[in-house]
Amino acid sequence: SPGAAVTLAQRRSGAIGRGGMVWDGAFALADHLLSEGPPPAPRGGALRVLDVSTGAGLTACALARHWECEVVATDIASVLPLLRENVAANAAGSLGRVVDVAEQDWGAVLSPAVASHGPYDLVLAADCVASVYDGAALADTLLA
């Protein structure tokens, strides 16, 4: 329900690494987007949002709840169990819309799960480019 908090688990151990944490950029992006409100959906109906390398899923869950938009949240395979756990926990608190979770590796063409929900009205990413990540591969994927 609008106004309700989003609750997330975080993990940083094992294969999940840094992807299981909620970073400052995710808080800032979610706060900014929620304060601005949703843009109009170009095709009418619900706005379609792609959240790239979402990690624990803060922005994806917040937008689904407060904007009532369709969200596809992506990350690498090792992060998906935590992301699915967080989406399920927040769905119990009645997200406005369902968040679909899909694996997407950078440098690869869009996975069928990601491509099938497009075209997207808004593509988001927060704190997903650092020296340990391949920014060129991210750009290749977004341009695919």
C-alpha atoms as a PDB file:
ATOM      1  CA  SER A   1       0.000   0.000   0.000  1.00  0.00           C
ATOM      2  CA  PRO A   2       1.255   3.527  -0.685  1.00  0.00           C
ATOM      3  CA  GLY A   3       3.165   4.954   2.249  1.00  0.00           C
ATOM      4  CA  ALA A   4       4.212   1.514   3.465  1.00  0.00           C
ATOM      5  CA  ALA A   5       7.897   0.839   3.994  1.00  0.00           C
ATOM      6  CA  VAL A   6       9.947  -1.513   1.856  1.00  0.00           C
ATOM      7  CA  THR A   7      11.824  -4.096   3.922  1.00  0.00           C
ATOM      8  CA  LEU A   8      14.973  -5.730   2.552  1.00  0.00           C
ATOM      9  CA  ALA A   9      17.439  -8.387   3.628  1.00  0.00           C
ATOM     10  CA  GLN A  10      21.098  -7.794   2.755  1.00  0.00           C
ATOM     11  CA  ARG A  11      23.965 -10.251   2.345  1.00  0.00           C
ATOM     12  CA  ARG A  12      27.609  -9.820   1.470  1.00  0.00           C
ATOM     13  CA  SER A  13      29.031 -13.292   1.937  1.00  0.00           C
ATOM     14  CA  GLY A  14      29.983 -15.950  -0.571  1.00  0.00           C
ATOM     15  CA  ALA A  15      29.282 -15.655  -4.277  1.00  0.00           C
ATOM     16  CA  ILE A  16      26.828 -12.801  -3.822  1.00  0.00           C
ATOM     17  CA  GLY A  17      29.635 -10.397  -2.884  1.00  0.00           C
ATOM     18  CA  ARG A  18      28.819  -6.708  -3.075  1.00  0.00           C
ATOM     19  CA  GLY A  19      25.609  -7.336  -4.993  1.00  0.00           C
ATOM     20  CA  GLY A  20      23.740  -8.245  -1.842  1.00  0.00           C
ATOM     21  CA  MET A  21      24.055  -4.817  -0.234  1.00  0.00           C
ATOM     22  CA  VAL A  22      21.884  -1.721  -0.564  1.00  0.00           C
ATOM     23  CA  TRP A  23      24.269   1.065  -1.540  1.00  0.00           C
ATOM     24  CA  ASP A  24      23.828   4.816  -1.053  1.00  0.00           C
ATOM     25  CA  GLY A  25      23.029   5.330  -4.738  1.00  0.00           C
ATOM     26  CA  ALA A  26      19.973   3.067  -4.479  1.00  0.00           C
ATOM     27  CA  PHE A  27      18.641   5.058  -1.519  1.00  0.00           C
ATOM     28  CA  ALA A  28      19.254   8.342  -3.348  1.00  0.00           C
ATOM     29  CA  LEU A  29      17.689   7.114  -6.600  1.00  0.00           C
ATOM     30  CA  ALA A  30      14.609   5.657  -4.912  1.00  0.00           C
ATOM     31  CA  ASP A  31      14.141   8.789  -2.791  1.00  0.00           C
ATOM     32  CA  HIS A  32      14.459  11.073  -5.811  1.00  0.00           C
ATOM     33  CA  LEU A  33      12.099   9.054  -7.996  1.00  0.00           C
ATOM     34  CA  LEU A  34       9.477   8.730  -5.271  1.00  0.00           C
ATOM     35  CA  SER A  35       9.599  12.453  -4.508  1.00  0.00           C
ATOM     36  CA  GLU A  36       9.212  13.331  -8.209  1.00  0.00           C
ATOM     37  CA  GLY A  37       6.394  10.871  -8.865  1.00  0.00           C
ATOM     38  CA  PRO A  38       5.978   8.677 -11.905  1.00  0.00           C
ATOM     39  CA  PRO A  39       6.198  10.055 -15.427  1.00  0.00           C
ATOM     40  CA  PRO A  40       3.200   9.325 -17.656  1.00  0.00           C
ATOM     41  CA  ALA A  41       3.350   5.984 -19.437  1.00  0.00           C
ATOM     42  CA  PRO A  42       3.881   6.718 -23.160  1.00  0.00           C
ATOM     43  CA  ARG A  43       1.541   3.930 -24.257  1.00  0.00           C
ATOM     44  CA  GLY A  44      -1.027   4.366 -21.533  1.00  0.00           C
ATOM     45  CA  GLY A  45      -1.498   1.690 -18.902  1.00  0.00           C
ATOM     46  CA  ALA A  46       1.215   0.951 -16.393  1.00  0.00           C
ATOM     47  CA  LEU A  47       4.712   2.372 -16.735  1.00  0.00           C
ATOM     48  CA  ARG A  48       7.299  -0.317 -17.612  1.00  0.00           C
ATOM     49  CA  VAL A  49      10.559  -0.073 -15.680  1.00  0.00           C
ATOM     50  CA  LEU A  50      13.782  -2.051 -16.082  1.00  0.00           C
ATOM     51  CA  ASP A  51      16.025  -1.968 -12.994  1.00  0.00           C
ATOM     52  CA  VAL A  52      19.527  -3.040 -14.073  1.00  0.00           C
ATOM     53  CA  SER A  53      21.814  -4.702 -11.517  1.00  0.00           C
ATOM     54  CA  THR A  54      19.282  -4.047  -8.785  1.00  0.00           C
ATOM     55  CA  GLY A  55      21.069  -6.033  -6.064  1.00  0.00           C
ATOM     56  CA  ALA A  56      18.779  -6.352  -3.057  1.00  0.00           C
ATOM     57  CA  GLY A  57      15.978  -4.652  -5.027  1.00  0.00           C
ATOM     58  CA  LEU A  58      15.285  -1.418  -3.145  1.00  0.00           C
ATOM     59  CA  THR A  59      14.389   0.727  -6.146  1.00  0.00           C
ATOM     60  CA  ALA A  60      12.425  -2.051  -7.852  1.00  0.00           C
ATOM     61  CA  CYS A  61      10.286  -2.782  -4.785  1.00  0.00           C
ATOM     62  CA  ALA A  62       9.789   0.905  -3.933  1.00  0.00           C
ATOM     63  CA  LEU A  63       8.603   1.804  -7.426  1.00  0.00           C
ATOM     64  CA  ALA A  64       6.317  -1.211  -7.710  1.00  0.00           C
ATOM     65  CA  ARG A  65       4.707  -0.265  -4.418  1.00  0.00           C
ATOM     66  CA  HIS A  66       4.452   3.501  -4.736  1.00  0.00           C
ATOM     67  CA  TRP A  67       4.222   4.069  -8.487  1.00  0.00           C
ATOM     68  CA  GLU A  68       2.247   0.885  -9.160  1.00  0.00           C
ATOM     69  CA  CYS A  69       4.318   0.277 -12.272  1.00  0.00           C
ATOM     70  CA  GLU A  70       5.509  -2.920 -13.925  1.00  0.00           C
ATOM     71  CA  VAL A  71       9.119  -3.588 -12.869  1.00  0.00           C
ATOM     72  CA  VAL A  72      11.638  -6.096 -14.135  1.00  0.00           C
ATOM     73  CA  ALA A  73      14.569  -6.298 -11.718  1.00  0.00           C
ATOM     74  CA  THR A  74      17.767  -7.842 -13.057  1.00  0.00           C
ATOM     75  CA  ASP A  75      21.079  -9.007 -11.700  1.00  0.00           C
ATOM     76  CA  ILE A  76      23.550 -11.854 -12.025  1.00  0.00           C
ATOM     77  CA  ALA A  77      22.607 -15.394 -11.005  1.00  0.00           C
ATOM     78  CA  SER A  78      24.339 -15.297  -7.603  1.00  0.00           C
ATOM     79  CA  VAL A  79      22.223 -12.314  -6.497  1.00  0.00           C
ATOM     80  CA  LEU A  80      18.832 -13.636  -7.659  1.00  0.00           C
ATOM     81  CA  PRO A  81      17.957 -15.746  -4.565  1.00  0.00           C
ATOM     82  CA  LEU A  82      18.290 -12.685  -2.303  1.00  0.00           C
ATOM     83  CA  LEU A  83      16.403 -10.518  -4.794  1.00  0.00           C
ATOM     84  CA  ARG A  84      13.565 -13.050  -5.048  1.00  0.00           C
ATOM     85  CA  GLU A  85      13.435 -13.251  -1.235  1.00  0.00           C
ATOM     86  CA  ASN A  86      13.097  -9.463  -0.970  1.00  0.00           C
ATOM     87  CA  VAL A  87      10.477  -9.247  -3.723  1.00  0.00           C
ATOM     88  CA  ALA A  88       8.439 -12.000  -2.030  1.00  0.00           C
ATOM     89  CA  ALA A  89       8.727 -10.343   1.393  1.00  0.00           C
ATOM     90  CA  ASN A  90       7.457  -7.057   0.001  1.00  0.00           C
ATOM     91  CA  ALA A  91       4.724  -8.681  -2.080  1.00  0.00           C
ATOM     92  CA  ALA A  92       3.267  -9.915   1.208  1.00  0.00           C
ATOM     93  CA  GLY A  93       3.029  -6.220   2.145  1.00  0.00           C
ATOM     94  CA  SER A  94       0.976  -5.700  -1.044  1.00  0.00           C
ATOM     95  CA  LEU A  95       3.239  -4.233  -3.680  1.00  0.00           C
ATOM     96  CA  GLY A  96       1.118  -2.220  -6.088  1.00  0.00           C
ATOM     97  CA  ARG A  97       2.427  -4.364  -8.924  1.00  0.00           C
ATOM     98  CA  VAL A  98       4.457  -7.523  -9.237  1.00  0.00           C
ATOM     99  CA  VAL A  99       8.214  -7.244  -9.609  1.00  0.00           C
ATOM    100  CA  ASP A 100       9.517  -9.776 -12.117  1.00  0.00           C
ATOM    101  CA  VAL A 101      13.041 -11.015 -11.448  1.00  0.00           C
ATOM    102  CA  ALA A 102      15.332 -11.966 -14.318  1.00  0.00           C
ATOM    103  CA  GLU A 103      18.970 -12.893 -14.762  1.00  0.00           C
ATOM    104  CA  GLN A 104      20.941 -10.511 -16.968  1.00  0.00           C
ATOM    105  CA  ASP A 105      24.680 -10.633 -17.488  1.00  0.00           C
ATOM    106  CA  TRP A 106      26.426  -7.563 -18.831  1.00  0.00           C
ATOM    107  CA  GLY A 107      27.915  -7.905 -22.268  1.00  0.00           C
ATOM    108  CA  ALA A 108      25.229 -10.388 -23.274  1.00  0.00           C
ATOM    109  CA  VAL A 109      22.175  -9.727 -25.397  1.00  0.00           C
ATOM    110  CA  LEU A 110      19.022  -9.146 -23.401  1.00  0.00           C
ATOM    111  CA  SER A 111      17.821 -12.381 -21.888  1.00  0.00           C
ATOM    112  CA  PRO A 112      14.445 -13.611 -23.207  1.00  0.00           C
ATOM    113  CA  ALA A 113      12.906 -12.907 -19.779  1.00  0.00           C
ATOM    114  CA  VAL A 114      14.041  -9.267 -19.940  1.00  0.00           C
ATOM    115  CA  ALA A 115      13.258  -8.752 -23.626  1.00  0.00           C
ATOM    116  CA  SER A 116       9.750 -10.217 -23.355  1.00  0.00           C
ATOM    117  CA  HIS A 117       8.631  -7.458 -20.960  1.00  0.00           C
ATOM    118  CA  GLY A 118       9.853  -4.601 -23.172  1.00  0.00           C
ATOM    119  CA  PRO A 119       9.782  -2.072 -24.531  1.00  0.00           C
ATOM    120  CA  TYR A 120      10.635  -0.223 -21.332  1.00  0.00           C
ATOM    121  CA  ASP A 121       9.626   3.337 -20.537  1.00  0.00           C
ATOM    122  CA  LEU A 122      12.376   3.823 -17.958  1.00  0.00           C
ATOM    123  CA  VAL A 123      15.717   2.057 -17.447  1.00  0.00           C
ATOM    124  CA  LEU A 124      17.351   2.508 -14.033  1.00  0.00           C
ATOM    125  CA  ALA A 125      20.683   1.655 -12.493  1.00  0.00           C
ATOM    126  CA  ALA A 126      22.242   2.783  -9.217  1.00  0.00           C
ATOM    127  CA  ASP A 127      25.731   2.070  -7.915  1.00  0.00           C
ATOM    128  CA  CYS A 128      26.321  -0.548 -10.560  1.00  0.00           C
ATOM    129  CA  VAL A 129      29.535   0.767 -12.119  1.00  0.00           C
ATOM    130  CA  ALA A 130      32.774   0.658 -10.162  1.00  0.00           C
ATOM    131  CA  SER A 131      36.299  -0.457 -10.929  1.00  0.00           C
ATOM    132  CA  VAL A 132      35.307  -4.071 -10.248  1.00  0.00           C
ATOM    133  CA  TYR A 133      32.604  -3.962 -12.922  1.00  0.00           C
ATOM    134  CA  ASP A 134      32.854  -3.764 -16.685  1.00  0.00           C
ATOM    135  CA  GLY A 135      31.191  -0.504 -17.737  1.00  0.00           C
ATOM    136  CA  ALA A 136      31.700  -1.229 -21.457  1.00  0.00           C
ATOM    137  CA  ALA A 137      29.829  -4.534 -21.106  1.00  0.00           C
ATOM    138  CA  LEU A 138      26.967  -2.722 -19.353  1.00  0.00           C
ATOM    139  CA  ALA A 139      26.767  -0.243 -22.227  1.00  0.00           C
ATOM    140  CA  ASP A 140      26.767  -3.083 -24.780  1.00  0.00           C
ATOM    141  CA  THR A 141      23.854  -4.757 -22.984  1.00  0.00           C
ATOM    142  CA  LEU A 142      21.825  -1.547 -22.696  1.00  0.00           C
ATOM    143  CA  LEU A 143      22.325  -0.866 -26.403  1.00  0.00           C
ATOM    144  CA  ALA A 144      21.278  -4.412 -27.374  1.00  0.00           C
END
